[in-house]
Protein backbone atom coordinates (compact mmCIF):
# COMPACT_ATOMS: atom_id res chain seq x y z
CA UNK A 1 0.00 0.00 0.00
CA UNK A 2 2.95 2.35 0.51
CA UNK A 3 3.42 3.43 -3.14
CA UNK A 4 -0.37 3.70 -3.66
CA UNK A 5 -0.98 5.95 -0.66
CA UNK A 6 2.14 7.98 -1.49
CA UNK A 7 0.61 8.80 -4.89
CA UNK A 8 -2.81 9.48 -3.35
CA UNK A 9 -1.33 11.80 -0.70
CA UNK A 10 0.55 13.76 -3.40
CA UNK A 11 -2.69 14.08 -5.36
CA UNK A 12 -4.46 15.43 -2.27
CA UNK A 13 -1.60 17.84 -1.57
CA UNK A 14 -1.75 19.31 -5.07
CA UNK A 15 -5.57 19.00 -5.24
CA UNK A 16 -5.07 17.23 -8.57
CA UNK A 17 -7.02 14.42 -10.16
CA UNK A 18 -5.42 11.40 -11.78
CA UNK A 19 -6.25 8.41 -13.96
CA UNK A 20 -6.32 4.87 -12.56
CA UNK A 21 -6.04 2.27 -15.29
CA UNK A 22 -6.80 -1.36 -14.42
CA UNK A 23 -9.18 -4.18 -15.26
CA UNK A 24 -11.40 -6.64 -13.45
CA UNK A 25 -8.97 -9.41 -14.43
CA UNK A 26 -6.02 -7.60 -12.84
CA UNK A 27 -7.98 -6.73 -9.69
CA UNK A 28 -9.07 -10.36 -9.33
CA UNK A 29 -5.41 -11.41 -9.10
CA UNK A 30 -4.55 -8.94 -6.31
CA UNK A 31 -5.03 -9.97 -2.72
CA UNK A 32 -4.96 -6.29 -1.71
CA UNK A 33 -7.42 -5.01 -4.36
CA UNK A 34 -10.15 -4.12 -1.84
CA UNK A 35 -7.63 -2.33 0.35
CA UNK A 36 -6.36 -0.29 -2.61
CA UNK A 37 -9.87 0.67 -3.77
CA UNK A 38 -10.88 1.66 -0.22
CA UNK A 39 -7.78 3.87 0.00
CA UNK A 40 -8.61 5.55 -3.32
CA UNK A 41 -12.17 6.21 -2.09
CA UNK A 42 -11.03 7.72 1.22
CA UNK A 43 -8.32 9.94 -0.27
CA UNK A 44 -10.59 11.21 -3.05
CA UNK A 45 -13.37 12.01 -0.58
CA UNK A 46 -10.89 13.93 1.55
CA UNK A 47 -9.43 15.78 -1.45
CA UNK A 48 -12.84 16.76 -2.79
CA UNK A 49 -14.23 17.75 0.62
CA UNK A 50 -12.22 20.99 0.67
CA UNK A 51 -11.37 20.65 4.38
CA UNK A 52 -7.61 20.12 4.04
CA UNK A 53 -5.75 23.14 5.50
CA UNK A 54 -3.11 24.64 3.20
CA UNK A 55 -0.35 24.00 5.75
CA UNK A 56 -1.20 20.31 5.75
CA UNK A 57 -1.49 20.19 1.97
CA UNK A 58 2.03 21.61 1.82
CA UNK A 59 3.25 18.69 3.94
CA UNK A 60 1.46 16.21 1.69
CA UNK A 61 3.23 17.71 -1.34
CA UNK A 62 6.63 16.83 0.12
CA UNK A 63 7.73 13.71 -1.84
CA UNK A 64 9.83 12.52 1.10
CA UNK A 65 6.78 12.04 3.33
CA UNK A 66 4.51 8.99 3.65
CA UNK A 67 0.94 9.00 4.94
CA UNK A 68 -1.91 6.65 5.79
CA UNK A 69 -5.53 7.81 5.84
CA UNK A 70 -8.34 6.40 7.95
CA UNK A 71 -11.71 7.82 8.98
CA UNK A 72 -14.37 7.62 11.64
CA UNK A 73 -17.88 9.03 11.67
CA UNK A 74 -16.75 12.60 12.37
CA UNK A 75 -13.19 12.95 11.17
CA UNK A 76 -10.41 12.04 8.80
CA UNK A 77 -7.39 10.59 10.57
CA UNK A 78 -4.13 11.31 8.74
CA UNK A 79 -1.19 9.27 10.05
CA UNK A 80 2.42 10.20 9.21
CA UNK A 81 4.50 7.12 8.41
CA UNK A 82 8.16 6.25 8.30
CA UNK A 83 8.89 3.41 5.85
CA UNK A 84 12.46 2.17 5.98
CA UNK A 85 14.76 1.88 3.04
CA UNK A 86 15.04 -1.75 1.84
CA UNK A 87 17.04 -3.79 4.38
CA UNK A 88 18.71 -6.57 2.38
CA UNK A 89 20.22 -9.90 3.41
CA UNK A 90 21.85 -11.83 0.55
CA UNK A 91 22.20 -15.51 1.42
CA UNK A 92 23.75 -16.44 -1.94
CA UNK A 93 27.17 -17.22 -0.49
CA UNK A 94 25.82 -19.34 2.36
CA UNK A 95 25.62 -23.15 2.28
CA UNK A 96 22.22 -24.87 2.71
CA UNK A 97 21.58 -25.50 6.39
CA UNK A 98 24.03 -22.78 7.41
CA UNK A 99 22.41 -19.98 9.42
CA UNK A 100 22.42 -16.65 7.63
CA UNK A 101 21.81 -13.13 8.77
CA UNK A 102 22.53 -9.43 8.62
CA UNK A 103 22.98 -6.45 10.91
CA UNK A 104 21.08 -3.34 9.95
CA UNK A 105 20.42 0.14 11.30
CA UNK A 106 16.74 1.01 11.60
CA UNK A 107 15.25 4.40 12.42
CA UNK A 108 12.00 5.43 14.06
CA UNK A 109 11.26 9.17 14.28
CA UNK A 110 8.12 8.53 16.34
CA UNK A 111 7.41 7.16 19.83
CA UNK A 112 8.35 3.60 20.78
CA UNK A 113 5.97 1.17 19.12
CA UNK A 114 5.37 -2.24 17.56
CA UNK A 115 6.42 -1.96 13.91
CA UNK A 116 4.79 -3.39 10.81
CA UNK A 117 6.89 -5.29 8.30
CA UNK A 118 6.99 -6.71 4.80
CA UNK A 119 9.60 -9.38 4.01
CA UNK A 120 10.19 -10.50 0.42
CA UNK A 121 12.14 -13.61 -0.58
CA UNK A 122 13.67 -13.55 -4.08
CA UNK A 123 15.52 -16.30 -5.92
CA UNK A 124 15.69 -20.06 -5.55
CA UNK A 125 15.09 -22.01 -2.39
CA UNK A 126 13.27 -20.91 0.75
CA UNK A 127 14.06 -19.34 4.09
CA UNK A 128 13.13 -20.98 7.40
CA UNK A 129 12.14 -19.46 10.75
CA UNK A 130 13.17 -15.84 10.10
CA UNK A 131 13.69 -13.62 13.14
CA UNK A 132 14.46 -9.99 13.90
CA UNK A 133 16.00 -8.78 17.14
CA UNK A 134 17.17 -5.60 18.85
CA UNK A 135 17.61 -4.28 22.38
CA UNK A 136 13.86 -4.74 23.04
CA UNK A 137 13.82 -8.47 22.27
CA UNK A 138 13.23 -10.93 19.43
CA UNK A 139 10.42 -11.41 16.95
CA UNK A 140 10.38 -14.91 15.41
CA UNK A 141 8.20 -16.44 12.70
CA UNK A 142 7.65 -20.17 12.29
CA UNK A 143 7.65 -22.03 8.98
CA UNK A 144 9.12 -21.51 5.52
CA UNK A 145 8.90 -18.65 3.00
CA UNK A 146 9.75 -19.80 -0.57
CA UNK A 147 11.30 -17.55 -3.19
CA UNK A 148 8.76 -15.28 -4.86
CA UNK A 149 6.61 -14.96 -1.73
CA UNK A 150 6.12 -12.45 1.08
CA UNK A 151 5.81 -12.48 4.84
CA UNK A 152 3.56 -9.64 6.01
CA UNK A 153 3.43 -8.63 9.70
CA UNK A 154 0.72 -6.19 10.79
CA UNK A 155 -1.02 -5.54 14.10
CA UNK A 156 0.73 -8.45 15.78
CA UNK A 157 -0.28 -11.04 13.16
CA UNK A 158 1.70 -12.51 10.27
CA UNK A 159 0.66 -14.08 6.98
CA UNK A 160 2.50 -15.62 4.05
CA UNK A 161 1.36 -14.37 0.64
CA UNK A 162 2.13 -14.99 -3.02
CA UNK A 163 3.72 -12.29 -5.17
CA UNK A 164 0.29 -10.65 -5.67
CA UNK A 165 -0.37 -10.47 -1.91
CA UNK A 166 -2.96 -13.24 -1.90
CA UNK A 167 -2.87 -14.80 1.57
CA UNK A 168 -1.66 -18.41 1.56
CA UNK A 169 -1.57 -19.08 5.30
CA UNK A 170 -1.29 -17.47 8.72
CA UNK A 171 2.21 -17.71 10.21
CA UNK A 172 2.76 -18.34 13.95
CA UNK A 173 4.64 -15.51 15.69
CA UNK A 174 6.48 -15.39 19.00
CA UNK A 175 7.82 -12.26 20.67
CA UNK A 176 7.09 -8.70 19.62
CA UNK A 177 8.82 -6.37 17.22
CA UNK A 178 9.40 -3.06 18.98
CA UNK A 179 11.23 -0.02 17.67
CA UNK A 180 12.44 2.56 20.15
CA UNK A 181 12.64 6.20 19.14
CA UNK A 182 15.62 7.09 16.96
CA UNK A 183 18.31 5.07 15.14
CA UNK A 184 18.98 1.57 16.46
CA UNK A 185 20.59 -1.76 15.68
CA UNK A 186 18.37 -4.44 14.16
CA UNK A 187 19.55 -7.98 13.55
CA UNK A 188 18.10 -10.53 11.12
CA UNK A 189 18.63 -14.28 11.08
CA UNK A 190 17.19 -17.31 9.28
CA UNK A 191 17.98 -20.77 7.97
CA UNK A 192 17.42 -21.70 4.34
CA UNK A 193 17.01 -24.63 1.97
CA UNK A 194 17.88 -24.92 -1.72
CA UNK A 195 20.89 -25.02 -3.99
CA UNK A 196 21.42 -21.27 -3.67
CA UNK A 197 20.64 -18.90 -0.86
CA UNK A 198 17.83 -16.49 -1.73
CA UNK A 199 17.85 -12.72 -1.17
CA UNK A 200 15.69 -11.36 1.63
CA UNK A 201 14.43 -7.76 1.61
CA UNK A 202 12.73 -6.27 4.66
CA UNK A 203 10.91 -2.96 4.98
CA UNK A 204 9.68 -1.68 8.34
CA UNK A 205 6.86 0.80 8.90
CA UNK A 206 6.45 3.03 11.96
CA UNK A 207 3.49 5.33 12.54
CA UNK A 208 3.11 8.71 14.23
CA UNK A 209 0.15 10.27 15.99
CA UNK A 210 -2.70 11.14 13.60
CA UNK A 211 -3.75 14.58 12.49
CA UNK A 212 -7.51 14.76 13.03
CA UNK A 213 -9.47 16.72 10.40
CA UNK A 214 -13.15 17.33 11.08
CA UNK A 215 -15.43 16.51 8.16
CA UNK A 216 -17.34 19.44 6.68
CA UNK A 217 -20.35 20.39 8.78
CA UNK A 218 -19.18 18.37 11.75
CA UNK A 219 -17.54 20.07 14.70
Foldseek 3Di string as FASTA:
>chain_A
DFVLQLVLLLCLLVLHDDDDDDDPVVLVLAQCSVVSVVQNVVSVCVSVLPQDDNVVSVVSNPSVWTWDWDDDPWWIWIKTKDKDDKDKWFQQPPAAPDKGKDKDKDADQAAKDFKWKKKAWADAWWWAFKWKAFPVGIKTWGDIAGHQWMWTGDPRWIFIAHNSRNTDGTIDMDDTHIDHHTMGMMMMMTGIDDRGTIMMIMMIMDIHGIDITTGPPHD
